[in-house]
């Protein structure tokens, strides 16, 4: 018997986040919530384009930074 999971995971991203820079700094430490992720089977990996982990929290420079999550099952 071969079972195949043909349903991709779903990812619901959080709303845009706007923060002020820290005093005397051109950036800020930002804690980002994980997006809502679901699947009909098991999630294998959750990575982002910022640091390759599942959490993109960290120091961000002034400006716009696009965070992209890749989820596999």
PDB file of N, CA and C in Angstrom:
ATOM      1  N   UNK A   1       0.855  -1.167   0.000  1.00  0.00           N
ATOM      2  CA  UNK A   1       0.000   0.000   0.000  1.00  0.00           C
ATOM      3  C   UNK A   1       0.899   1.229   0.000  1.00  0.00           C
ATOM      4  N   UNK A   2       0.592   2.175  -0.883  1.00  0.00           N
ATOM      5  CA  UNK A   2       1.310   3.441  -0.922  1.00  0.00           C
ATOM      6  C   UNK A   2       0.328   4.569  -0.649  1.00  0.00           C
ATOM      7  N   UNK A   3       0.617   5.365   0.361  1.00  0.00           N
ATOM      8  CA  UNK A   3      -0.215   6.523   0.683  1.00  0.00           C
ATOM      9  C   UNK A   3       0.529   7.777   0.271  1.00  0.00           C
ATOM     10  N   UNK A   4      -0.172   8.685  -0.368  1.00  0.00           N
ATOM     11  CA  UNK A   4       0.432   9.922  -0.851  1.00  0.00           C
ATOM     12  C   UNK A   4      -0.315  11.110  -0.263  1.00  0.00           C
ATOM     13  N   UNK A   5       0.442  12.057   0.277  1.00  0.00           N
ATOM     14  CA  UNK A   5      -0.136  13.293   0.804  1.00  0.00           C
ATOM     15  C   UNK A   5      -0.099  14.337  -0.309  1.00  0.00           C
ATOM     16  N   UNK A   6      -1.237  14.599  -0.917  1.00  0.00           N
ATOM     17  CA  UNK A   6      -1.323  15.567  -2.015  1.00  0.00           C
ATOM     18  C   UNK A   6      -1.759  16.959  -1.566  1.00  0.00           C
ATOM     19  N   UNK A   7      -1.999  17.132  -0.282  1.00  0.00           N
ATOM     20  CA  UNK A   7      -2.465  18.426   0.224  1.00  0.00           C
ATOM     21  C   UNK A   7      -1.293  19.204   0.817  1.00  0.00           C
ATOM     22  N   UNK A   8      -0.994  20.364   0.253  1.00  0.00           N
ATOM     23  CA  UNK A   8       0.115  21.160   0.803  1.00  0.00           C
ATOM     24  C   UNK A   8      -0.294  21.808   2.128  1.00  0.00           C
ATOM     25  N   UNK A   9       0.696  22.169   2.945  1.00  0.00           N
ATOM     26  CA  UNK A   9       0.371  22.898   4.179  1.00  0.00           C
ATOM     27  C   UNK A   9      -0.182  24.282   3.858  1.00  0.00           C
ATOM     28  N   UNK A  10      -0.934  24.829   4.785  1.00  0.00           N
ATOM     29  CA  UNK A  10      -1.432  26.199   4.628  1.00  0.00           C
ATOM     30  C   UNK A  10      -0.692  27.102   5.607  1.00  0.00           C
ATOM     31  N   UNK A  11      -0.382  28.296   5.137  1.00  0.00           N
ATOM     32  CA  UNK A  11       0.324  29.282   5.945  1.00  0.00           C
ATOM     33  C   UNK A  11      -0.476  30.574   5.919  1.00  0.00           C
ATOM     34  N   UNK A  12      -0.848  31.065   7.078  1.00  0.00           N
ATOM     35  CA  UNK A  12      -1.547  32.339   7.190  1.00  0.00           C
ATOM     36  C   UNK A  12      -0.604  33.304   7.887  1.00  0.00           C
ATOM     37  N   UNK A  13      -0.129  34.280   7.129  1.00  0.00           N
ATOM     38  CA  UNK A  13       0.859  35.224   7.651  1.00  0.00           C
ATOM     39  C   UNK A  13       0.214  36.242   8.579  1.00  0.00           C
ATOM     40  N   UNK A  14       1.020  36.747   9.475  1.00  0.00           N
ATOM     41  CA  UNK A  14       0.567  37.783  10.400  1.00  0.00           C
ATOM     42  C   UNK A  14       0.507  39.131   9.678  1.00  0.00           C
ATOM     43  N   UNK A  15      -0.159  40.071  10.291  1.00  0.00           N
ATOM     44  CA  UNK A  15      -0.236  41.424   9.726  1.00  0.00           C
ATOM     45  C   UNK A  15       1.144  42.071   9.764  1.00  0.00           C
ATOM     46  N   UNK A  16       1.327  43.096   8.947  1.00  0.00           N
ATOM     47  CA  UNK A  16       2.584  43.844   8.944  1.00  0.00           C
ATOM     48  C   UNK A  16       2.870  44.390  10.342  1.00  0.00           C
ATOM     49  N   UNK A  17       4.146  44.444  10.670  1.00  0.00           N
ATOM     50  CA  UNK A  17       4.573  44.950  11.972  1.00  0.00           C
ATOM     51  C   UNK A  17       5.395  46.213  11.743  1.00  0.00           C
ATOM     52  N   UNK A  18       5.095  47.262  12.488  1.00  0.00           N
ATOM     53  CA  UNK A  18       5.858  48.509  12.422  1.00  0.00           C
ATOM     54  C   UNK A  18       6.369  48.835  13.820  1.00  0.00           C
ATOM     55  N   UNK A  19       7.684  49.034  13.935  1.00  0.00           N
ATOM     56  CA  UNK A  19       8.290  49.396  15.212  1.00  0.00           C
ATOM     57  C   UNK A  19       9.219  50.581  14.997  1.00  0.00           C
ATOM     58  N   UNK A  20       9.496  51.303  16.053  1.00  0.00           N
ATOM     59  CA  UNK A  20      10.441  52.422  15.999  1.00  0.00           C
ATOM     60  C   UNK A  20      11.846  51.899  16.256  1.00  0.00           C
ATOM     61  N   UNK A  21      12.825  52.598  15.696  1.00  0.00           N
ATOM     62  CA  UNK A  21      14.204  52.219  15.970  1.00  0.00           C
ATOM     63  C   UNK A  21      14.552  52.494  17.425  1.00  0.00           C
ATOM     64  N   UNK A  22      15.555  51.764  17.932  1.00  0.00           N
ATOM     65  CA  UNK A  22      16.019  51.954  19.291  1.00  0.00           C
ATOM     66  C   UNK A  22      16.841  53.240  19.373  1.00  0.00           C
ATOM     67  N   UNK A  23      16.928  53.838  20.561  1.00  0.00           N
ATOM     68  CA  UNK A  23      17.695  55.078  20.743  1.00  0.00           C
ATOM     69  C   UNK A  23      19.129  54.901  20.258  1.00  0.00           C
ATOM     70  N   UNK A  24      19.607  55.901  19.532  1.00  0.00           N
ATOM     71  CA  UNK A  24      20.986  55.907  19.034  1.00  0.00           C
ATOM     72  C   UNK A  24      21.319  54.673  18.195  1.00  0.00           C
ATOM     73  N   UNK A  25      20.344  54.172  17.459  1.00  0.00           N
ATOM     74  CA  UNK A  25      20.548  52.974  16.654  1.00  0.00           C
ATOM     75  C   UNK A  25      19.778  53.097  15.347  1.00  0.00           C
ATOM     76  N   UNK A  26      20.279  52.467  14.322  1.00  0.00           N
ATOM     77  CA  UNK A  26      19.593  52.457  13.018  1.00  0.00           C
ATOM     78  C   UNK A  26      18.821  51.155  12.834  1.00  0.00           C
ATOM     79  N   UNK A  27      18.222  50.664  13.918  1.00  0.00           N
ATOM     80  CA  UNK A  27      17.449  49.436  13.863  1.00  0.00           C
ATOM     81  C   UNK A  27      16.853  49.126  15.213  1.00  0.00           C
ATOM     82  N   UNK A  28      16.290  47.923  15.322  1.00  0.00           N
ATOM     83  CA  UNK A  28      15.667  47.498  16.578  1.00  0.00           C
ATOM     84  C   UNK A  28      15.571  45.992  16.634  1.00  0.00           C
ATOM     85  N   UNK A  29      15.592  45.449  17.868  1.00  0.00           N
ATOM     86  CA  UNK A  29      15.293  44.038  18.062  1.00  0.00           C
ATOM     87  C   UNK A  29      13.788  43.862  17.979  1.00  0.00           C
ATOM     88  N   UNK A  30      13.364  42.911  17.168  1.00  0.00           N
ATOM     89  CA  UNK A  30      11.942  42.691  16.941  1.00  0.00           C
ATOM     90  C   UNK A  30      11.622  41.222  17.197  1.00  0.00           C
ATOM     91  N   UNK A  31      10.565  40.977  17.968  1.00  0.00           N
ATOM     92  CA  UNK A  31      10.077  39.621  18.192  1.00  0.00           C
ATOM     93  C   UNK A  31       8.898  39.393  17.263  1.00  0.00           C
ATOM     94  N   UNK A  32       9.060  38.468  16.336  1.00  0.00           N
ATOM     95  CA  UNK A  32       8.006  38.184  15.363  1.00  0.00           C
ATOM     96  C   UNK A  32       7.234  36.936  15.774  1.00  0.00           C
ATOM     97  N   UNK A  33       5.910  36.991  15.732  1.00  0.00           N
ATOM     98  CA  UNK A  33       5.131  35.778  15.991  1.00  0.00           C
ATOM     99  C   UNK A  33       5.225  34.850  14.782  1.00  0.00           C
ATOM    100  N   UNK A  34       5.173  33.546  15.026  1.00  0.00           N
ATOM    101  CA  UNK A  34       5.143  32.597  13.915  1.00  0.00           C
ATOM    102  C   UNK A  34       3.814  32.712  13.179  1.00  0.00           C
ATOM    103  N   UNK A  35       3.814  32.473  11.876  1.00  0.00           N
ATOM    104  CA  UNK A  35       2.530  32.461  11.161  1.00  0.00           C
ATOM    105  C   UNK A  35       1.711  31.246  11.600  1.00  0.00           C
ATOM    106  N   UNK A  36       0.410  31.270  11.321  1.00  0.00           N
ATOM    107  CA  UNK A  36      -0.452  30.117  11.592  1.00  0.00           C
ATOM    108  C   UNK A  36      -0.222  29.093  10.491  1.00  0.00           C
ATOM    109  N   UNK A  37       0.159  27.883  10.875  1.00  0.00           N
ATOM    110  CA  UNK A  37       0.489  26.837   9.915  1.00  0.00           C
ATOM    111  C   UNK A  37      -0.335  25.608  10.244  1.00  0.00           C
ATOM    112  N   UNK A  38      -0.914  24.995   9.217  1.00  0.00           N
ATOM    113  CA  UNK A  38      -1.653  23.759   9.435  1.00  0.00           C
ATOM    114  C   UNK A  38      -1.457  22.835   8.238  1.00  0.00           C
ATOM    115  N   UNK A  39      -1.714  21.566   8.469  1.00  0.00           N
ATOM    116  CA  UNK A  39      -1.584  20.561   7.419  1.00  0.00           C
ATOM    117  C   UNK A  39      -2.432  19.358   7.808  1.00  0.00           C
ATOM    118  N   UNK A  40      -2.796  18.589   6.809  1.00  0.00           N
ATOM    119  CA  UNK A  40      -3.594  17.406   7.086  1.00  0.00           C
ATOM    120  C   UNK A  40      -2.730  16.245   7.560  1.00  0.00           C
ATOM    121  N   UNK A  41      -1.424  16.432   7.498  1.00  0.00           N
ATOM    122  CA  UNK A  41      -0.476  15.413   7.931  1.00  0.00           C
ATOM    123  C   UNK A  41       0.537  16.097   8.848  1.00  0.00           C
ATOM    124  N   UNK A  42       1.766  15.747   8.767  1.00  0.00           N
ATOM    125  CA  UNK A  42       2.787  16.286   9.666  1.00  0.00           C
ATOM    126  C   UNK A  42       3.627  17.348   8.981  1.00  0.00           C
ATOM    127  N   UNK A  43       3.901  18.460   9.670  1.00  0.00           N
ATOM    128  CA  UNK A  43       4.801  19.498   9.168  1.00  0.00           C
ATOM    129  C   UNK A  43       6.229  19.009   9.364  1.00  0.00           C
ATOM    130  N   UNK A  44       7.030  19.085   8.306  1.00  0.00           N
ATOM    131  CA  UNK A  44       8.412  18.625   8.373  1.00  0.00           C
ATOM    132  C   UNK A  44       9.368  19.760   8.716  1.00  0.00           C
ATOM    133  N   UNK A  45       9.270  20.875   7.969  1.00  0.00           N
ATOM    134  CA  UNK A  45      10.169  21.999   8.217  1.00  0.00           C
ATOM    135  C   UNK A  45       9.436  23.325   8.094  1.00  0.00           C
ATOM    136  N   UNK A  46       9.901  24.295   8.875  1.00  0.00           N
ATOM    137  CA  UNK A  46       9.457  25.681   8.794  1.00  0.00           C
ATOM    138  C   UNK A  46      10.728  26.520   8.820  1.00  0.00           C
ATOM    139  N   UNK A  47      11.029  27.194   7.717  1.00  0.00           N
ATOM    140  CA  UNK A  47      12.226  28.035   7.668  1.00  0.00           C
ATOM    141  C   UNK A  47      11.871  29.393   7.067  1.00  0.00           C
ATOM    142  N   UNK A  48      12.683  30.392   7.388  1.00  0.00           N
ATOM    143  CA  UNK A  48      12.454  31.721   6.828  1.00  0.00           C
ATOM    144  C   UNK A  48      13.701  32.180   6.090  1.00  0.00           C
ATOM    145  N   UNK A  49      13.541  33.229   5.307  1.00  0.00           N
ATOM    146  CA  UNK A  49      14.636  33.748   4.490  1.00  0.00           C
ATOM    147  C   UNK A  49      15.593  34.648   5.265  1.00  0.00           C
ATOM    148  N   UNK A  50      15.306  34.937   6.523  1.00  0.00           N
ATOM    149  CA  UNK A  50      16.145  35.842   7.319  1.00  0.00           C
ATOM    150  C   UNK A  50      17.343  35.107   7.901  1.00  0.00           C
ATOM    151  N   UNK A  51      17.073  33.991   8.585  1.00  0.00           N
ATOM    152  CA  UNK A  51      18.165  33.270   9.233  1.00  0.00           C
ATOM    153  C   UNK A  51      18.078  31.757   9.063  1.00  0.00           C
ATOM    154  N   UNK A  52      17.154  31.286   8.246  1.00  0.00           N
ATOM    155  CA  UNK A  52      17.054  29.857   7.969  1.00  0.00           C
ATOM    156  C   UNK A  52      16.466  29.015   9.080  1.00  0.00           C
ATOM    157  N   UNK A  53      15.913  29.659  10.099  1.00  0.00           N
ATOM    158  CA  UNK A  53      15.287  28.904  11.184  1.00  0.00           C
ATOM    159  C   UNK A  53      13.780  29.134  11.154  1.00  0.00           C
ATOM    160  N   UNK A  54      13.078  28.600  12.154  1.00  0.00           N
ATOM    161  CA  UNK A  54      11.628  28.827  12.171  1.00  0.00           C
ATOM    162  C   UNK A  54      11.268  30.163  12.805  1.00  0.00           C
ATOM    163  N   UNK A  55      12.197  30.802  13.527  1.00  0.00           N
ATOM    164  CA  UNK A  55      11.928  32.103  14.134  1.00  0.00           C
ATOM    165  C   UNK A  55      12.738  33.186  13.430  1.00  0.00           C
ATOM    166  N   UNK A  56      12.057  34.217  12.966  1.00  0.00           N
ATOM    167  CA  UNK A  56      12.735  35.323  12.293  1.00  0.00           C
ATOM    168  C   UNK A  56      12.951  36.501  13.231  1.00  0.00           C
ATOM    169  N   UNK A  57      12.761  36.286  14.528  1.00  0.00           N
ATOM    170  CA  UNK A  57      12.989  37.355  15.496  1.00  0.00           C
ATOM    171  C   UNK A  57      14.471  37.711  15.530  1.00  0.00           C
ATOM    172  N   UNK A  58      14.743  38.988  15.766  1.00  0.00           N
ATOM    173  CA  UNK A  58      16.134  39.417  15.844  1.00  0.00           C
ATOM    174  C   UNK A  58      16.256  40.896  15.571  1.00  0.00           C
ATOM    175  N   UNK A  59      17.474  41.327  15.254  1.00  0.00           N
ATOM    176  CA  UNK A  59      17.759  42.740  15.004  1.00  0.00           C
ATOM    177  C   UNK A  59      17.474  43.060  13.537  1.00  0.00           C
ATOM    178  N   UNK A  60      16.663  44.105  13.313  1.00  0.00           N
ATOM    179  CA  UNK A  60      16.319  44.542  11.963  1.00  0.00           C
ATOM    180  C   UNK A  60      16.773  45.980  11.751  1.00  0.00           C
ATOM    181  N   UNK A  61      17.341  46.283  10.587  1.00  0.00           N
ATOM    182  CA  UNK A  61      17.733  47.660  10.298  1.00  0.00           C
ATOM    183  C   UNK A  61      16.510  48.503   9.941  1.00  0.00           C
ATOM    184  N   UNK A  62      16.660  49.818  10.020  1.00  0.00           N
ATOM    185  CA  UNK A  62      15.596  50.728   9.599  1.00  0.00           C
ATOM    186  C   UNK A  62      15.278  50.455   8.131  1.00  0.00           C
ATOM    187  N   UNK A  63      14.023  50.431   7.792  1.00  0.00           N
ATOM    188  CA  UNK A  63      13.582  50.155   6.424  1.00  0.00           C
ATOM    189  C   UNK A  63      12.575  49.020   6.425  1.00  0.00           C
ATOM    190  N   UNK A  64      12.270  48.528   5.255  1.00  0.00           N
ATOM    191  CA  UNK A  64      11.302  47.444   5.092  1.00  0.00           C
ATOM    192  C   UNK A  64      12.062  46.140   4.866  1.00  0.00           C
ATOM    193  N   UNK A  65      11.699  45.110   5.632  1.00  0.00           N
ATOM    194  CA  UNK A  65      12.281  43.788   5.465  1.00  0.00           C
ATOM    195  C   UNK A  65      11.154  42.801   5.225  1.00  0.00           C
ATOM    196  N   UNK A  66      11.207  42.089   4.116  1.00  0.00           N
ATOM    197  CA  UNK A  66      10.200  41.077   3.792  1.00  0.00           C
ATOM    198  C   UNK A  66      10.650  39.745   4.369  1.00  0.00           C
ATOM    199  N   UNK A  67       9.806  39.147   5.192  1.00  0.00           N
ATOM    200  CA  UNK A  67      10.099  37.841   5.773  1.00  0.00           C
ATOM    201  C   UNK A  67       9.242  36.813   5.049  1.00  0.00           C
ATOM    202  N   UNK A  68       9.899  35.793   4.499  1.00  0.00           N
ATOM    203  CA  UNK A  68       9.214  34.739   3.759  1.00  0.00           C
ATOM    204  C   UNK A  68       9.427  33.411   4.471  1.00  0.00           C
ATOM    205  N   UNK A  69       8.336  32.703   4.762  1.00  0.00           N
ATOM    206  CA  UNK A  69       8.408  31.377   5.378  1.00  0.00           C
ATOM    207  C   UNK A  69       8.179  30.316   4.314  1.00  0.00           C
ATOM    208  N   UNK A  70       8.965  29.238   4.385  1.00  0.00           N
ATOM    209  CA  UNK A  70       8.774  28.078   3.534  1.00  0.00           C
ATOM    210  C   UNK A  70       8.439  26.900   4.442  1.00  0.00           C
ATOM    211  N   UNK A  71       7.284  26.271   4.178  1.00  0.00           N
ATOM    212  CA  UNK A  71       6.801  25.180   5.006  1.00  0.00           C
ATOM    213  C   UNK A  71       6.693  23.935   4.138  1.00  0.00           C
ATOM    214  N   UNK A  72       7.231  22.818   4.623  1.00  0.00           N
ATOM    215  CA  UNK A  72       7.139  21.561   3.881  1.00  0.00           C
ATOM    216  C   UNK A  72       6.536  20.496   4.793  1.00  0.00           C
ATOM    217  N   UNK A  73       5.895  19.554   4.134  1.00  0.00           N
ATOM    218  CA  UNK A  73       5.329  18.431   4.877  1.00  0.00           C
ATOM    219  C   UNK A  73       5.837  17.127   4.325  1.00  0.00           C
TER     220      UNK A  73
END
